[in-house]
Amino acid sequence: MPVGVPKIAFLIPGDEEASWVDVNRLYRERFLFLGDEVNAETSNQLSGLMLFLAIEEPSRDLFLYINSPGGLVISGVAIYQTMKLIPPDVHTIGMGIVASMASFILTGGTIPTRLAFPHARVMIHQPASTYFKLPVGEFVLESEELLKIRKSVVECYVQHTGQPFWVISEDLERDTFMSATEALSYGIVDLIAC
């Protein structure tokens, strides 16, 4: 067995030998954590874990604890879409800082199971890109794609918060910080934990 990360032996149907799977006790109890920057690695790990647990027990809810500064748009959208794809409800719990794409993931939890700890801070803003490093021709192509992604993100926030399109669009123009109470009023969460 590999050392360092708790793993269990799991026999994949059709295989002759068991594979070591990274699943510790918290995962087995359906407690998942996004406690780092959202990037391709964290997105793939979290999405894979949600899919594994959904296959293992599709009727048992998942609890995703989020304390993240956010990160890459496409990676965050991948986590969001996985949450929407799998059969179990995904309860999202904001704690500490829930910023940028992390707030998008928090908002995407199953309504009415999205909650924030009392001292959590939520921040929303528009998707950003690396366009300043690109030549002019590529900048134009990337900015068009970024506008499409921004529209999609705004539409998801509208769907989950109940806020009008123009309000979300305007609030994404700058860093908009919220307390747990303000996030509740805005519709990003449904409850504040006691």
Protein backbone atom coordinates (compact mmCIF):
# COMPACT_ATOMS: atom_id res chain seq x y z
CA MET A 1 0.00 0.00 0.00
CA PRO A 2 1.32 3.52 -0.81
CA VAL A 3 2.49 5.57 2.17
CA GLY A 4 1.31 9.07 3.11
CA VAL A 5 -2.22 9.33 1.77
CA PRO A 6 -4.91 7.03 3.21
CA LYS A 7 -5.95 4.57 0.50
CA ILE A 8 -8.21 1.53 0.27
CA ALA A 9 -8.01 -1.48 -1.97
CA PHE A 10 -10.82 -1.41 -4.53
CA LEU A 11 -11.48 -4.18 -7.01
CA ILE A 12 -12.64 -2.73 -10.30
CA PRO A 13 -15.01 -5.15 -12.07
CA GLY A 14 -13.04 -7.10 -14.67
CA ASP A 15 -9.64 -6.51 -13.02
CA GLU A 16 -7.78 -9.38 -11.41
CA GLU A 17 -6.05 -7.27 -8.76
CA ALA A 18 -7.36 -4.49 -6.53
CA SER A 19 -6.25 -0.90 -7.17
CA TRP A 20 -5.35 1.49 -4.37
CA VAL A 21 -7.91 4.31 -4.24
CA ASP A 22 -7.37 7.57 -2.32
CA VAL A 23 -10.40 7.62 -0.01
CA ASN A 24 -10.11 8.45 3.66
CA ARG A 25 -12.73 8.28 6.43
CA LEU A 26 -14.11 11.77 5.76
CA TYR A 27 -14.60 10.94 2.11
CA ARG A 28 -16.35 7.70 3.03
CA GLU A 29 -18.74 9.77 5.14
CA ARG A 30 -19.28 12.07 2.12
CA PHE A 31 -17.37 15.08 3.50
CA LEU A 32 -15.38 16.74 0.69
CA PHE A 33 -13.10 19.77 0.89
CA LEU A 34 -12.09 22.53 -1.50
CA GLY A 35 -9.40 24.25 0.55
CA ASP A 36 -7.02 25.43 -2.11
CA GLU A 37 -6.93 27.39 -5.34
CA VAL A 38 -9.27 26.08 -8.04
CA ASN A 39 -7.05 24.70 -10.80
CA ALA A 40 -7.00 21.71 -13.13
CA GLU A 41 -5.53 19.39 -10.49
CA THR A 42 -7.98 20.25 -7.68
CA SER A 43 -10.86 20.26 -10.16
CA ASN A 44 -9.98 16.81 -11.50
CA GLN A 45 -9.47 15.36 -8.02
CA LEU A 46 -12.71 16.78 -6.62
CA SER A 47 -14.77 15.91 -9.71
CA GLY A 48 -13.35 12.38 -9.76
CA LEU A 49 -14.09 11.91 -6.07
CA MET A 50 -17.68 13.14 -6.48
CA LEU A 51 -18.19 10.77 -9.42
CA PHE A 52 -16.70 7.84 -7.49
CA LEU A 53 -18.91 8.46 -4.46
CA ALA A 54 -21.99 8.98 -6.65
CA ILE A 55 -21.39 5.65 -8.39
CA GLU A 56 -20.79 3.92 -5.08
CA GLU A 57 -23.96 5.23 -3.41
CA PRO A 58 -26.10 7.47 -5.67
CA SER A 59 -28.78 8.24 -3.08
CA ARG A 60 -26.43 9.50 -0.34
CA ASP A 61 -25.83 13.27 -0.20
CA LEU A 62 -22.38 14.88 -0.45
CA PHE A 63 -21.14 17.75 1.74
CA LEU A 64 -18.63 20.08 0.09
CA TYR A 65 -16.78 22.41 2.51
CA ILE A 66 -15.27 25.41 0.72
CA ASN A 67 -12.46 27.66 1.96
CA SER A 68 -10.82 28.82 -1.25
CA PRO A 69 -9.56 32.00 -2.92
CA GLY A 70 -11.03 30.77 -6.22
CA GLY A 71 -9.00 30.24 -9.34
CA LEU A 72 -9.37 29.16 -12.93
CA VAL A 73 -12.77 29.64 -14.56
CA ILE A 74 -12.87 26.47 -16.65
CA SER A 75 -11.71 24.34 -13.69
CA GLY A 76 -14.42 25.87 -11.49
CA VAL A 77 -17.06 25.28 -14.14
CA ALA A 78 -15.94 21.62 -14.32
CA ILE A 79 -16.60 21.20 -10.58
CA TYR A 80 -19.95 23.01 -10.90
CA GLN A 81 -21.04 20.82 -13.83
CA THR A 82 -20.02 17.65 -12.00
CA MET A 83 -22.17 18.72 -9.05
CA LYS A 84 -25.10 19.17 -11.41
CA LEU A 85 -24.48 15.86 -13.20
CA ILE A 86 -24.35 13.45 -10.27
CA PRO A 87 -27.53 12.09 -8.65
CA PRO A 88 -26.76 12.92 -4.99
CA ASP A 89 -27.58 16.36 -3.64
CA VAL A 90 -24.43 18.40 -3.00
CA HIS A 91 -24.61 20.50 0.15
CA THR A 92 -22.15 23.39 -0.14
CA ILE A 93 -20.73 24.93 3.03
CA GLY A 94 -18.78 28.20 2.89
CA MET A 95 -16.20 28.78 5.59
CA GLY A 96 -13.30 31.20 5.78
CA ILE A 97 -12.93 32.88 2.39
CA VAL A 98 -15.09 31.80 -0.52
CA ALA A 99 -13.95 33.98 -3.40
CA SER A 100 -14.18 34.13 -7.17
CA MET A 101 -14.85 30.66 -8.67
CA ALA A 102 -15.22 29.22 -5.17
CA SER A 103 -18.30 31.44 -4.67
CA PHE A 104 -19.63 30.17 -8.01
CA ILE A 105 -19.24 26.58 -6.75
CA LEU A 106 -20.87 27.52 -3.41
CA THR A 107 -23.84 29.00 -5.27
CA GLY A 108 -24.18 25.84 -7.38
CA GLY A 109 -24.99 23.61 -4.40
CA THR A 110 -28.41 22.01 -4.12
CA ILE A 111 -31.05 24.51 -3.00
CA PRO A 112 -31.89 24.76 0.00
CA THR A 113 -28.73 23.09 1.33
CA ARG A 114 -26.18 25.86 0.65
CA LEU A 115 -24.90 27.36 3.86
CA ALA A 116 -22.20 29.62 5.22
CA PHE A 117 -20.50 29.72 8.58
CA PRO A 118 -21.24 33.00 10.42
CA HIS A 119 -17.78 34.51 9.86
CA ALA A 120 -17.34 33.36 6.28
CA ARG A 121 -16.58 35.98 3.63
CA VAL A 122 -17.91 35.58 0.10
CA MET A 123 -16.56 37.50 -2.88
CA ILE A 124 -17.88 37.52 -6.43
CA HIS A 125 -16.27 39.10 -9.49
CA GLN A 126 -16.10 38.58 -13.22
CA PRO A 127 -14.06 35.84 -14.82
CA ALA A 128 -10.53 36.93 -15.71
CA SER A 129 -8.02 35.72 -18.24
CA THR A 130 -4.38 35.88 -19.23
CA TYR A 131 -5.07 37.99 -22.33
CA PHE A 132 -2.43 40.56 -21.46
CA LYS A 133 0.26 38.00 -22.37
CA LEU A 134 -1.15 37.32 -25.84
CA PRO A 135 -0.55 38.87 -29.26
CA VAL A 136 -3.34 41.15 -30.51
CA GLY A 137 -5.00 38.58 -32.81
CA GLU A 138 -5.20 35.98 -30.05
CA PHE A 139 -6.35 38.63 -27.59
CA VAL A 140 -9.45 39.30 -29.73
CA LEU A 141 -10.29 35.59 -29.94
CA GLU A 142 -9.77 35.06 -26.23
CA SER A 143 -11.80 38.13 -25.27
CA GLU A 144 -14.75 36.84 -27.35
CA GLU A 145 -14.54 33.48 -25.59
CA LEU A 146 -14.25 35.21 -22.22
CA LEU A 147 -17.44 37.18 -22.91
CA LYS A 148 -19.27 33.91 -23.66
CA ILE A 149 -18.00 32.36 -20.43
CA ARG A 150 -18.93 35.50 -18.48
CA LYS A 151 -22.50 35.37 -19.86
CA SER A 152 -22.77 31.70 -18.88
CA VAL A 153 -21.48 32.42 -15.35
CA VAL A 154 -23.92 35.32 -14.96
CA GLU A 155 -26.82 33.11 -16.10
CA CYS A 156 -25.88 30.46 -13.52
CA TYR A 157 -25.72 33.07 -10.74
CA VAL A 158 -29.14 34.39 -11.88
CA GLN A 159 -30.61 30.87 -11.81
CA HIS A 160 -29.30 30.07 -8.32
CA THR A 161 -29.67 33.42 -6.56
CA GLY A 162 -32.88 34.78 -8.05
CA GLN A 163 -31.17 38.11 -8.69
CA PRO A 164 -31.89 39.85 -12.02
CA PHE A 165 -29.31 39.49 -14.81
CA TRP A 166 -28.40 43.18 -14.69
CA VAL A 167 -27.73 43.08 -10.91
CA ILE A 168 -25.39 40.10 -11.18
CA SER A 169 -23.70 41.58 -14.24
CA GLU A 170 -23.12 44.89 -12.47
CA ASP A 171 -21.89 43.25 -9.24
CA LEU A 172 -19.39 41.13 -11.17
CA GLU A 173 -17.76 44.28 -12.60
CA ARG A 174 -15.80 44.70 -9.37
CA ASP A 175 -14.83 42.61 -6.35
CA THR A 176 -18.06 42.43 -4.32
CA PHE A 177 -17.41 41.19 -0.79
CA MET A 178 -20.23 39.89 1.42
CA SER A 179 -20.64 38.68 4.96
CA ALA A 180 -22.55 35.44 5.53
CA THR A 181 -25.69 37.50 6.21
CA GLU A 182 -25.25 39.50 3.01
CA ALA A 183 -24.64 36.29 1.03
CA LEU A 184 -27.90 34.94 2.46
CA SER A 185 -29.80 38.07 1.42
CA TYR A 186 -28.19 37.95 -2.04
CA GLY A 187 -29.22 34.31 -2.55
CA ILE A 188 -25.76 32.76 -2.70
CA VAL A 189 -26.53 30.65 0.38
CA ASP A 190 -29.79 29.48 1.94
CA LEU A 191 -28.74 29.21 5.59
CA ILE A 192 -26.19 30.49 8.08
CA ALA A 193 -24.74 27.79 10.34
CA CYS A 194 -25.12 28.36 14.08
